[in-house]
Amino acid sequence: MSKWSRVLLLLVAAAMPFAGCKHKESQSNEPESFAFVVYPGARYLAQLTEVTKNAHKVIQPNLDPPPTAIYDTDAPVEKVAEYYAKEYGYSTIAADSTNNLKSAQPPAYYRSGDLQSAVQGAKPIVEKLKLNTDISKAQGQYKAAEIQAKPNRPRVTIQRPYFDVTTSQVVDRTMILMSR
């Protein structure tokens, strides 16, 4: 996962207000249209989505933010990753990005990391967004999955737990970040 994606992932954890959403959202039923597939029972995080779009504007001020949506759920990372892999037509999820040392990165894979290290990388953006965040509270390990984009579907990053930069809390839920 690129540094930019990690920064975005951390910034998506920026708010706690939730609005319910339990259906697939799409702009059209045509196969060519771009669509977000929503995990059943996941809650849309409107404020987190906006913070992520604002972070994109800080990083690339001359570009419009890409279509982005953020949800969370109580389901484990593995169940959510399996759901998206199936929806995207990927038969397996690799244990890591090395794909058993093959030259091609797998389209779906797991990864893990340290919350403190990840949040430290996002610190300059958090400051530019004027978020009052105590990054010292970002403690612990996380497990994540990456699902490669399709022409009409966004890239999906799934992570549990995540650090909420607006409340300075580690949230023990599975976050789903979809971005084109």
Protein backbone atom coordinates (compact mmCIF):
# COMPACT_ATOMS: atom_id res chain seq x y z
CA MET A 1 0.00 0.00 0.00
CA SER A 2 1.38 3.40 -0.92
CA LYS A 3 2.12 6.11 1.63
CA TRP A 4 -0.68 8.20 0.11
CA SER A 5 -3.18 5.35 0.58
CA ARG A 6 -2.08 4.86 4.19
CA VAL A 7 -2.46 8.57 4.86
CA LEU A 8 -5.93 8.54 3.31
CA LEU A 9 -6.88 5.45 5.30
CA LEU A 10 -5.94 7.15 8.54
CA LEU A 11 -7.74 10.32 7.66
CA VAL A 12 -10.91 8.45 6.87
CA ALA A 13 -11.05 7.53 10.52
CA ALA A 14 -11.69 11.14 11.34
CA ALA A 15 -15.23 11.15 12.68
CA MET A 16 -17.78 9.10 14.58
CA PRO A 17 -21.24 10.31 13.45
CA PHE A 18 -22.92 7.54 11.54
CA ALA A 19 -25.80 7.37 9.12
CA GLY A 20 -27.37 4.05 8.23
CA CYS A 21 -26.97 2.61 4.76
CA LYS A 22 -27.68 -1.01 3.91
CA HIS A 23 -27.91 -1.19 0.15
CA LYS A 24 -25.78 -1.11 -2.96
CA GLU A 25 -25.27 2.41 -4.28
CA SER A 26 -24.71 2.97 -7.94
CA GLN A 27 -25.13 5.73 -10.46
CA SER A 28 -26.71 3.40 -13.00
CA ASN A 29 -27.51 -0.26 -13.56
CA GLU A 30 -25.36 -0.32 -16.69
CA PRO A 31 -22.21 -2.45 -16.37
CA GLU A 32 -19.96 0.43 -17.51
CA SER A 33 -21.09 2.80 -14.76
CA PHE A 34 -18.96 3.36 -11.70
CA ALA A 35 -20.49 1.89 -8.54
CA PHE A 36 -19.74 1.50 -4.85
CA VAL A 37 -20.70 -1.93 -3.51
CA VAL A 38 -21.67 -1.58 0.15
CA TYR A 39 -21.05 -4.40 2.62
CA PRO A 40 -24.42 -5.54 4.05
CA GLY A 41 -25.20 -3.74 7.31
CA ALA A 42 -22.28 -1.30 7.01
CA ARG A 43 -22.79 2.28 8.20
CA TYR A 44 -21.88 5.23 5.99
CA LEU A 45 -19.42 7.63 7.61
CA ALA A 46 -20.26 10.99 6.01
CA GLN A 47 -17.86 13.09 8.07
CA LEU A 48 -15.00 10.66 7.53
CA THR A 49 -15.66 10.73 3.79
CA GLU A 50 -15.51 14.55 3.81
CA VAL A 51 -12.28 14.61 5.83
CA THR A 52 -10.73 12.23 3.31
CA LYS A 53 -11.80 14.42 0.40
CA ASN A 54 -10.36 17.46 2.20
CA ALA A 55 -7.08 15.57 2.75
CA HIS A 56 -6.95 14.89 -0.98
CA LYS A 57 -7.38 18.63 -1.64
CA VAL A 58 -4.45 19.35 0.72
CA ILE A 59 -2.22 16.83 -1.04
CA GLN A 60 -3.30 17.67 -4.60
CA PRO A 61 -4.94 21.13 -4.49
CA ASN A 62 -5.36 21.42 -8.25
CA LEU A 63 -7.35 18.20 -8.60
CA ASP A 64 -10.88 17.29 -7.60
CA PRO A 65 -11.01 14.48 -5.05
CA PRO A 66 -11.82 11.08 -6.57
CA PRO A 67 -15.17 9.40 -5.83
CA THR A 68 -14.75 8.18 -2.26
CA ALA A 69 -17.01 6.52 0.32
CA ILE A 70 -16.24 5.25 3.80
CA TYR A 71 -18.24 2.78 5.85
CA ASP A 72 -17.67 0.70 8.95
CA THR A 73 -19.05 -2.53 10.37
CA ASP A 74 -18.67 -4.88 13.31
CA ALA A 75 -17.78 -7.75 10.94
CA PRO A 76 -14.18 -9.05 11.01
CA VAL A 77 -11.69 -8.01 8.33
CA GLU A 78 -11.66 -11.53 6.84
CA LYS A 79 -15.44 -11.64 6.26
CA VAL A 80 -15.50 -8.18 4.71
CA ALA A 81 -12.47 -8.98 2.51
CA GLU A 82 -14.05 -12.25 1.35
CA TYR A 83 -17.25 -10.39 0.46
CA TYR A 84 -15.43 -7.81 -1.68
CA ALA A 85 -13.15 -10.39 -3.31
CA LYS A 86 -16.24 -12.37 -4.35
CA GLU A 87 -18.08 -9.22 -5.55
CA TYR A 88 -15.05 -8.28 -7.65
CA GLY A 89 -14.59 -11.80 -9.06
CA TYR A 90 -11.30 -12.59 -7.29
CA SER A 91 -11.07 -16.25 -6.31
CA THR A 92 -8.65 -15.88 -3.40
CA ILE A 93 -7.10 -13.38 -1.04
CA ALA A 94 -3.32 -13.75 -0.78
CA ALA A 95 -1.71 -13.85 2.67
CA ASP A 96 0.36 -10.79 1.73
CA SER A 97 1.32 -8.58 -1.20
CA THR A 98 4.30 -10.73 -2.23
CA ASN A 99 1.99 -13.40 -3.71
CA ASN A 100 4.43 -16.18 -2.73
CA LEU A 101 7.29 -14.18 -4.26
CA LYS A 102 5.69 -14.02 -7.71
CA SER A 103 6.43 -10.93 -9.79
CA ALA A 104 2.81 -9.76 -9.98
CA GLN A 105 1.06 -8.32 -6.94
CA PRO A 106 -2.17 -10.21 -6.24
CA PRO A 107 -5.46 -8.38 -6.86
CA ALA A 108 -6.57 -9.09 -3.26
CA TYR A 109 -4.26 -9.53 -0.27
CA TYR A 110 -3.93 -9.08 3.48
CA ARG A 111 -1.43 -6.87 5.28
CA SER A 112 -0.84 -5.65 8.82
CA GLY A 113 0.87 -2.76 10.50
CA ASP A 114 1.37 -0.49 13.48
CA LEU A 115 -1.18 2.28 14.09
CA GLN A 116 1.43 4.67 15.57
CA SER A 117 3.71 4.36 12.52
CA ALA A 118 0.82 4.90 10.14
CA VAL A 119 -0.50 7.95 12.01
CA GLN A 120 2.97 9.51 12.19
CA GLY A 121 3.01 9.49 8.38
CA ALA A 122 -0.28 11.38 8.30
CA LYS A 123 0.75 14.02 10.87
CA PRO A 124 1.57 16.82 8.36
CA ILE A 125 -1.82 16.43 6.66
CA VAL A 126 -3.66 16.26 10.00
CA GLU A 127 -1.98 19.54 10.95
CA LYS A 128 -2.90 21.21 7.63
CA LEU A 129 -6.50 20.13 8.17
CA LYS A 130 -6.32 21.81 11.60
CA LEU A 131 -7.49 18.68 13.40
CA ASN A 132 -6.69 18.68 17.11
CA THR A 133 -5.35 15.12 17.29
CA ASP A 134 -3.31 13.42 20.02
CA ILE A 135 -1.41 10.94 17.86
CA SER A 136 0.29 9.44 20.93
CA LYS A 137 -2.99 7.57 21.52
CA ALA A 138 -2.63 5.65 18.25
CA GLN A 139 -1.38 2.41 19.80
CA GLY A 140 -1.60 -1.19 18.66
CA GLN A 141 -1.48 -3.34 15.58
CA TYR A 142 -4.04 -3.47 12.78
CA LYS A 143 -4.99 -6.05 10.16
CA ALA A 144 -6.03 -4.91 6.72
CA ALA A 145 -6.95 -6.16 3.27
CA GLU A 146 -6.51 -4.51 -0.12
CA ILE A 147 -8.89 -5.25 -3.01
CA GLN A 148 -7.74 -4.02 -6.42
CA ALA A 149 -10.08 -1.77 -8.41
CA LYS A 150 -12.04 -2.91 -11.44
CA PRO A 151 -12.91 -0.57 -14.33
CA ASN A 152 -16.34 0.16 -12.84
CA ARG A 153 -15.48 -0.46 -9.16
CA PRO A 154 -13.23 1.42 -6.71
CA ARG A 155 -10.18 0.16 -4.88
CA VAL A 156 -11.21 -1.11 -1.42
CA THR A 157 -9.09 -0.87 1.72
CA ILE A 158 -10.40 -2.71 4.77
CA GLN A 159 -8.84 -2.20 8.21
CA ARG A 160 -9.45 -3.11 11.86
CA PRO A 161 -8.96 -1.37 14.23
CA TYR A 162 -8.47 2.18 12.97
CA PHE A 163 -7.46 5.45 14.61
CA ASP A 164 -10.02 8.26 14.60
CA VAL A 165 -8.04 11.48 14.19
CA THR A 166 -10.97 13.67 15.28
CA THR A 167 -11.48 11.98 18.64
CA SER A 168 -7.93 10.64 19.14
CA GLN A 169 -9.33 7.16 19.76
CA VAL A 170 -8.60 3.70 18.43
CA VAL A 171 -11.90 2.35 17.08
CA ASP A 172 -12.41 -1.42 17.27
CA ARG A 173 -14.57 -1.71 14.15
CA THR A 174 -13.77 -2.63 10.58
CA MET A 175 -13.43 0.40 8.33
CA ILE A 176 -14.12 0.10 4.59
CA LEU A 177 -12.55 2.80 2.41
CA MET A 178 -13.55 2.82 -1.24
CA SER A 179 -11.85 5.26 -3.59
CA ARG A 180 -11.39 5.41 -7.32
